[in-house]
Every structure is written in structure tokens, then in C-alpha cells.
PDB file of N, CA and C in Angstrom:
ATOM      1  N   MET A   1      81.890 155.603 232.348  1.00  0.00           N
ATOM      2  CA  MET A   1      81.248 154.986 231.197  1.00  0.00           C
ATOM      3  C   MET A   1      80.303 156.003 230.557  1.00  0.00           C
ATOM      4  N   SER A   2      80.417 156.167 229.263  1.00  0.00           N
ATOM      5  CA  SER A   2      79.545 157.118 228.576  1.00  0.00           C
ATOM      6  C   SER A   2      78.254 156.423 228.163  1.00  0.00           C
ATOM      7  N   ARG A   3      77.204 157.192 228.126  1.00  0.00           N
ATOM      8  CA  ARG A   3      75.905 156.660 227.743  1.00  0.00           C
ATOM      9  C   ARG A   3      75.566 157.134 226.348  1.00  0.00           C
ATOM     10  N   ASP A   4      74.868 156.288 225.618  1.00  0.00           N
ATOM     11  CA  ASP A   4      74.401 156.628 224.283  1.00  0.00           C
ATOM     12  C   ASP A   4      72.965 157.116 224.406  1.00  0.00           C
ATOM     13  N   SER A   5      72.519 157.878 223.442  1.00  0.00           N
ATOM     14  CA  SER A   5      71.153 158.401 223.501  1.00  0.00           C
ATOM     15  C   SER A   5      70.112 157.292 223.415  1.00  0.00           C
ATOM     16  N   LYS A   6      70.496 156.140 222.912  1.00  0.00           N
ATOM     17  CA  LYS A   6      69.553 155.037 222.788  1.00  0.00           C
ATOM     18  C   LYS A   6      69.571 154.108 224.006  1.00  0.00           C
ATOM     19  N   ASP A   7      70.460 154.365 224.966  1.00  0.00           N
ATOM     20  CA  ASP A   7      70.502 153.562 226.185  1.00  0.00           C
ATOM     21  C   ASP A   7      69.246 153.813 227.001  1.00  0.00           C
ATOM     22  N   PRO A   8      68.774 152.786 227.710  1.00  0.00           N
ATOM     23  CA  PRO A   8      67.612 153.009 228.571  1.00  0.00           C
ATOM     24  C   PRO A   8      67.992 153.941 229.724  1.00  0.00           C
ATOM     25  N   PRO A   9      67.022 154.560 230.364  1.00  0.00           N
ATOM     26  CA  PRO A   9      67.324 155.447 231.487  1.00  0.00           C
ATOM     27  C   PRO A   9      68.073 154.701 232.586  1.00  0.00           C
ATOM     28  N   ALA A  10      68.867 155.423 233.351  1.00  0.00           N
ATOM     29  CA  ALA A  10      69.673 154.816 234.403  1.00  0.00           C
ATOM     30  C   ALA A  10      68.785 154.062 235.389  1.00  0.00           C
ATOM     31  N   SER A  11      67.821 154.694 235.948  1.00  0.00           N
ATOM     32  CA  SER A  11      66.821 154.058 236.799  1.00  0.00           C
ATOM     33  C   SER A  11      65.765 155.102 237.126  1.00  0.00           C
ATOM     34  N   PRO A  12      64.554 154.671 237.401  1.00  0.00           N
ATOM     35  CA  PRO A  12      63.497 155.649 237.712  1.00  0.00           C
ATOM     36  C   PRO A  12      63.802 156.423 238.995  1.00  0.00           C
ATOM     37  N   ARG A  13      64.475 155.785 239.942  1.00  0.00           N
ATOM     38  CA  ARG A  13      64.780 156.442 241.210  1.00  0.00           C
ATOM     39  C   ARG A  13      65.965 157.392 241.084  1.00  0.00           C
ATOM     40  N   ASN A  14      66.851 157.097 240.144  1.00  0.00           N
ATOM     41  CA  ASN A  14      68.063 157.894 239.983  1.00  0.00           C
ATOM     42  C   ASN A  14      68.231 158.243 238.503  1.00  0.00           C
ATOM     43  N   PRO A  15      67.413 159.182 237.977  1.00  0.00           N
ATOM     44  CA  PRO A  15      67.483 159.499 236.542  1.00  0.00           C
ATOM     45  C   PRO A  15      68.829 160.132 236.181  1.00  0.00           C
ATOM     46  N   ALA A  16      69.211 159.966 234.946  1.00  0.00           N
ATOM     47  CA  ALA A  16      70.452 160.562 234.447  1.00  0.00           C
ATOM     48  C   ALA A  16      70.303 162.082 234.447  1.00  0.00           C
ATOM     49  N   PRO A  17      71.352 162.796 234.796  1.00  0.00           N
ATOM     50  CA  PRO A  17      71.261 164.258 234.783  1.00  0.00           C
ATOM     51  C   PRO A  17      71.112 164.784 233.357  1.00  0.00           C
ATOM     52  N   ALA A  18      70.464 165.919 233.227  1.00  0.00           N
ATOM     53  CA  ALA A  18      70.300 166.536 231.908  1.00  0.00           C
ATOM     54  C   ALA A  18      71.671 166.920 231.364  1.00  0.00           C
ATOM     55  N   GLU A  19      71.868 166.733 230.075  1.00  0.00           N
ATOM     56  CA  GLU A  19      73.170 167.058 229.496  1.00  0.00           C
ATOM     57  C   GLU A  19      73.253 168.540 229.158  1.00  0.00           C
ATOM     58  N   THR A  20      74.440 169.065 229.271  1.00  0.00           N
ATOM     59  CA  THR A  20      74.677 170.465 228.950  1.00  0.00           C
ATOM     60  C   THR A  20      74.822 170.598 227.435  1.00  0.00           C
ATOM     61  N   PRO A  21      74.723 171.801 226.908  1.00  0.00           N
ATOM     62  CA  PRO A  21      74.930 171.962 225.462  1.00  0.00           C
ATOM     63  C   PRO A  21      76.302 171.449 225.016  1.00  0.00           C
ATOM     64  N   LYS A  22      77.309 171.643 225.838  1.00  0.00           N
ATOM     65  CA  LYS A  22      78.656 171.165 225.498  1.00  0.00           C
ATOM     66  C   LYS A  22      78.692 169.634 225.444  1.00  0.00           C
ATOM     67  N   GLN A  23      78.037 168.973 226.405  1.00  0.00           N
ATOM     68  CA  GLN A  23      77.977 167.509 226.410  1.00  0.00           C
ATOM     69  C   GLN A  23      77.178 167.000 225.212  1.00  0.00           C
ATOM     70  N   ARG A  24      76.088 167.690 224.888  1.00  0.00           N
ATOM     71  CA  ARG A  24      75.268 167.284 223.743  1.00  0.00           C
ATOM     72  C   ARG A  24      76.085 167.370 222.458  1.00  0.00           C
ATOM     73  N   HIS A  25      76.841 168.457 222.298  1.00  0.00           N
ATOM     74  CA  HIS A  25      77.674 168.632 221.112  1.00  0.00           C
ATOM     75  C   HIS A  25      78.721 167.513 221.024  1.00  0.00           C
ATOM     76  N   ALA A  26      79.353 167.200 222.144  1.00  0.00           N
ATOM     77  CA  ALA A  26      80.368 166.135 222.165  1.00  0.00           C
ATOM     78  C   ALA A  26      79.739 164.782 221.822  1.00  0.00           C
ATOM     79  N   ARG A  27      78.526 164.531 222.352  1.00  0.00           N
ATOM     80  CA  ARG A  27      77.840 163.268 222.056  1.00  0.00           C
ATOM     81  C   ARG A  27      77.491 163.180 220.580  1.00  0.00           C
ATOM     82  N   LYS A  28      76.993 164.283 220.020  1.00  0.00           N
ATOM     83  CA  LYS A  28      76.638 164.295 218.595  1.00  0.00           C
ATOM     84  C   LYS A  28      77.871 164.074 217.724  1.00  0.00           C
ATOM     85  N   GLU A  29      78.989 164.703 218.077  1.00  0.00           N
ATOM     86  CA  GLU A  29      80.232 164.512 217.329  1.00  0.00           C
ATOM     87  C   GLU A  29      80.665 163.045 217.377  1.00  0.00           C
ATOM     88  N   ARG A  30      80.583 162.426 218.554  1.00  0.00           N
ATOM     89  CA  ARG A  30      80.966 161.020 218.709  1.00  0.00           C
ATOM     90  C   ARG A  30      80.048 160.129 217.866  1.00  0.00           C
ATOM     91  N   GLU A  31      78.739 160.400 217.891  1.00  0.00           N
ATOM     92  CA  GLU A  31      77.800 159.615 217.092  1.00  0.00           C
ATOM     93  C   GLU A  31      78.093 159.773 215.602  1.00  0.00           C
ATOM     94  N   ASP A  32      78.404 160.992 215.168  1.00  0.00           N
ATOM     95  CA  ASP A  32      78.726 161.237 213.756  1.00  0.00           C
ATOM     96  C   ASP A  32      79.984 160.474 213.350  1.00  0.00           C
ATOM     97  N   ARG A  33      81.015 160.507 214.200  1.00  0.00           N
ATOM     98  CA  ARG A  33      82.256 159.780 213.893  1.00  0.00           C
ATOM     99  C   ARG A  33      82.001 158.277 213.816  1.00  0.00           C
ATOM    100  N   ASN A  34      81.197 157.759 214.750  1.00  0.00           N
ATOM    101  CA  ASN A  34      80.880 156.331 214.736  1.00  0.00           C
ATOM    102  C   ASN A  34      80.119 155.948 213.468  1.00  0.00           C
ATOM    103  N   GLN A  35      79.171 156.787 213.057  1.00  0.00           N
ATOM    104  CA  GLN A  35      78.399 156.501 211.857  1.00  0.00           C
ATOM    105  C   GLN A  35      79.286 156.566 210.614  1.00  0.00           C
ATOM    106  N   ASP A  36      80.166 157.567 210.552  1.00  0.00           N
ATOM    107  CA  ASP A  36      81.080 157.674 209.414  1.00  0.00           C
ATOM    108  C   ASP A  36      82.002 156.469 209.334  1.00  0.00           C
ATOM    109  N   GLU A  37      82.502 156.025 210.490  1.00  0.00           N
ATOM    110  CA  GLU A  37      83.389 154.861 210.508  1.00  0.00           C
ATOM    111  C   GLU A  37      82.646 153.605 210.048  1.00  0.00           C
ATOM    112  N   ALA A  38      81.418 153.437 210.507  1.00  0.00           N
ATOM    113  CA  ALA A  38      80.631 152.273 210.098  1.00  0.00           C
ATOM    114  C   ALA A  38      80.382 152.297 208.590  1.00  0.00           C
ATOM    115  N   LEU A  39      80.105 153.465 208.037  1.00  0.00           N
ATOM    116  CA  LEU A  39      79.878 153.588 206.601  1.00  0.00           C
ATOM    117  C   LEU A  39      81.151 153.240 205.834  1.00  0.00           C
ATOM    118  N   GLU A  40      82.291 153.736 206.287  1.00  0.00           N
ATOM    119  CA  GLU A  40      83.557 153.441 205.615  1.00  0.00           C
ATOM    120  C   GLU A  40      83.878 151.954 205.643  1.00  0.00           C
ATOM    121  N   GLU A  41      83.514 151.281 206.742  1.00  0.00           N
ATOM    122  CA  GLU A  41      83.785 149.852 206.853  1.00  0.00           C
ATOM    123  C   GLU A  41      82.916 149.019 205.918  1.00  0.00           C
ATOM    124  N   THR A  42      81.775 149.549 205.496  1.00  0.00           N
ATOM    125  CA  THR A  42      80.885 148.801 204.612  1.00  0.00           C
ATOM    126  C   THR A  42      81.076 149.171 203.156  1.00  0.00           C
ATOM    127  N   PHE A  43      81.985 150.085 202.856  1.00  0.00           N
ATOM    128  CA  PHE A  43      82.176 150.527 201.486  1.00  0.00           C
ATOM    129  C   PHE A  43      83.517 150.057 200.975  1.00  0.00           C
ATOM    130  N   PRO A  44      83.716 149.584 199.813  1.00  0.00           N
ATOM    131  CA  PRO A  44      82.677 149.324 198.820  1.00  0.00           C
ATOM    132  C   PRO A  44      81.968 148.012 199.129  1.00  0.00           C
ATOM    133  N   ALA A  45      80.730 147.989 198.856  1.00  0.00           N
ATOM    134  CA  ALA A  45      79.945 146.784 199.084  1.00  0.00           C
ATOM    135  C   ALA A  45      80.341 145.731 198.057  1.00  0.00           C
ATOM    136  N   SER A  46      80.177 144.486 198.420  1.00  0.00           N
ATOM    137  CA  SER A  46      80.581 143.420 197.505  1.00  0.00           C
ATOM    138  C   SER A  46      79.694 143.365 196.263  1.00  0.00           C
ATOM    139  N   ASP A  47      78.452 143.761 196.400  1.00  0.00           N
ATOM    140  CA  ASP A  47      77.531 143.748 195.260  1.00  0.00           C
ATOM    141  C   ASP A  47      77.131 145.183 194.925  1.00  0.00           C
ATOM    142  N   PRO A  48      77.185 145.554 193.662  1.00  0.00           N
ATOM    143  CA  PRO A  48      76.762 146.901 193.302  1.00  0.00           C
ATOM    144  C   PRO A  48      75.258 147.076 193.495  1.00  0.00           C
ATOM    145  N   VAL A  49      74.837 148.297 193.619  1.00  0.00           N
ATOM    146  CA  VAL A  49      73.415 148.602 193.760  1.00  0.00           C
ATOM    147  C   VAL A  49      72.701 148.182 192.488  1.00  0.00           C
ATOM    148  N   SER A  50      71.587 147.525 192.641  1.00  0.00           N
ATOM    149  CA  SER A  50      70.826 147.064 191.500  1.00  0.00           C
ATOM    150  C   SER A  50      69.532 147.869 191.394  1.00  0.00           C
ATOM    151  N   PRO A  51      69.429 148.735 190.404  1.00  0.00           N
ATOM    152  CA  PRO A  51      68.189 149.520 190.291  1.00  0.00           C
ATOM    153  C   PRO A  51      67.019 148.617 189.885  1.00  0.00           C
ATOM    154  N   PHE A  52      65.858 148.928 190.397  1.00  0.00           N
ATOM    155  CA  PHE A  52      64.665 148.159 190.068  1.00  0.00           C
ATOM    156  C   PHE A  52      64.196 148.517 188.672  1.00  0.00           C
ATOM    157  N   VAL A  53      64.036 147.502 187.841  1.00  0.00           N
ATOM    158  CA  VAL A  53      63.513 147.706 186.492  1.00  0.00           C
ATOM    159  C   VAL A  53      62.247 146.877 186.393  1.00  0.00           C
ATOM    160  N   PRO A  54      61.085 147.521 186.256  1.00  0.00           N
ATOM    161  CA  PRO A  54      59.841 146.764 186.202  1.00  0.00           C
ATOM    162  C   PRO A  54      59.751 145.935 184.913  1.00  0.00           C
ATOM    163  N   ALA A  55      59.134 144.792 185.042  1.00  0.00           N
ATOM    164  CA  ALA A  55      58.942 143.925 183.887  1.00  0.00           C
ATOM    165  C   ALA A  55      57.912 144.558 182.946  1.00  0.00           C
ATOM    166  N   LYS A  56      58.036 144.230 181.681  1.00  0.00           N
ATOM    167  CA  LYS A  56      57.061 144.735 180.714  1.00  0.00           C
ATOM    168  C   LYS A  56      55.735 144.020 180.949  1.00  0.00           C
ATOM    169  N   SER A  57      54.657 144.780 180.824  1.00  0.00           N
ATOM    170  CA  SER A  57      53.345 144.180 181.014  1.00  0.00           C
ATOM    171  C   SER A  57      52.983 143.353 179.773  1.00  0.00           C
ATOM    172  N   PRO A  58      52.318 142.226 179.986  1.00  0.00           N
ATOM    173  CA  PRO A  58      51.931 141.414 178.828  1.00  0.00           C
ATOM    174  C   PRO A  58      50.879 142.156 177.989  1.00  0.00           C
ATOM    175  N   ASP A  59      51.029 142.057 176.692  1.00  0.00           N
ATOM    176  CA  ASP A  59      50.098 142.746 175.775  1.00  0.00           C
ATOM    177  C   ASP A  59      48.948 141.889 175.380  1.00  0.00           C
TER     178      ASP A  59
END
């Protein structure tokens, strides 16, 4: 089972081993792919972006 960087530590008595640069690179690539996939699944959004237009101040 792979661990995510946001997972809590394994346990105080048995900490997770430090990751190697190769493992870190693989984890970052996996996180990037997951984020890209999530973005693609939410696009196009059902509602277009609505820019904020401030109301005119009363004179």
C-alpha cells in the first residue's frame, strides 16, 4: 500500500522510513497525475466564471 504525503505517520514506535529521491520523484509524479485527472474531470464547469463587478456607489 502506498502512502500519501498527507497521511498521518505510521506510528510513533515504528516511523515510516525516509523516502529516497527516486521515491520522492515517483510520489510527486503520481500526485501531479492525480491532480491533472481531477482537474480534467471538473472541466468544463457547468457554470461559467462570474467576474465580480462592484455596484455603483450612490451619489
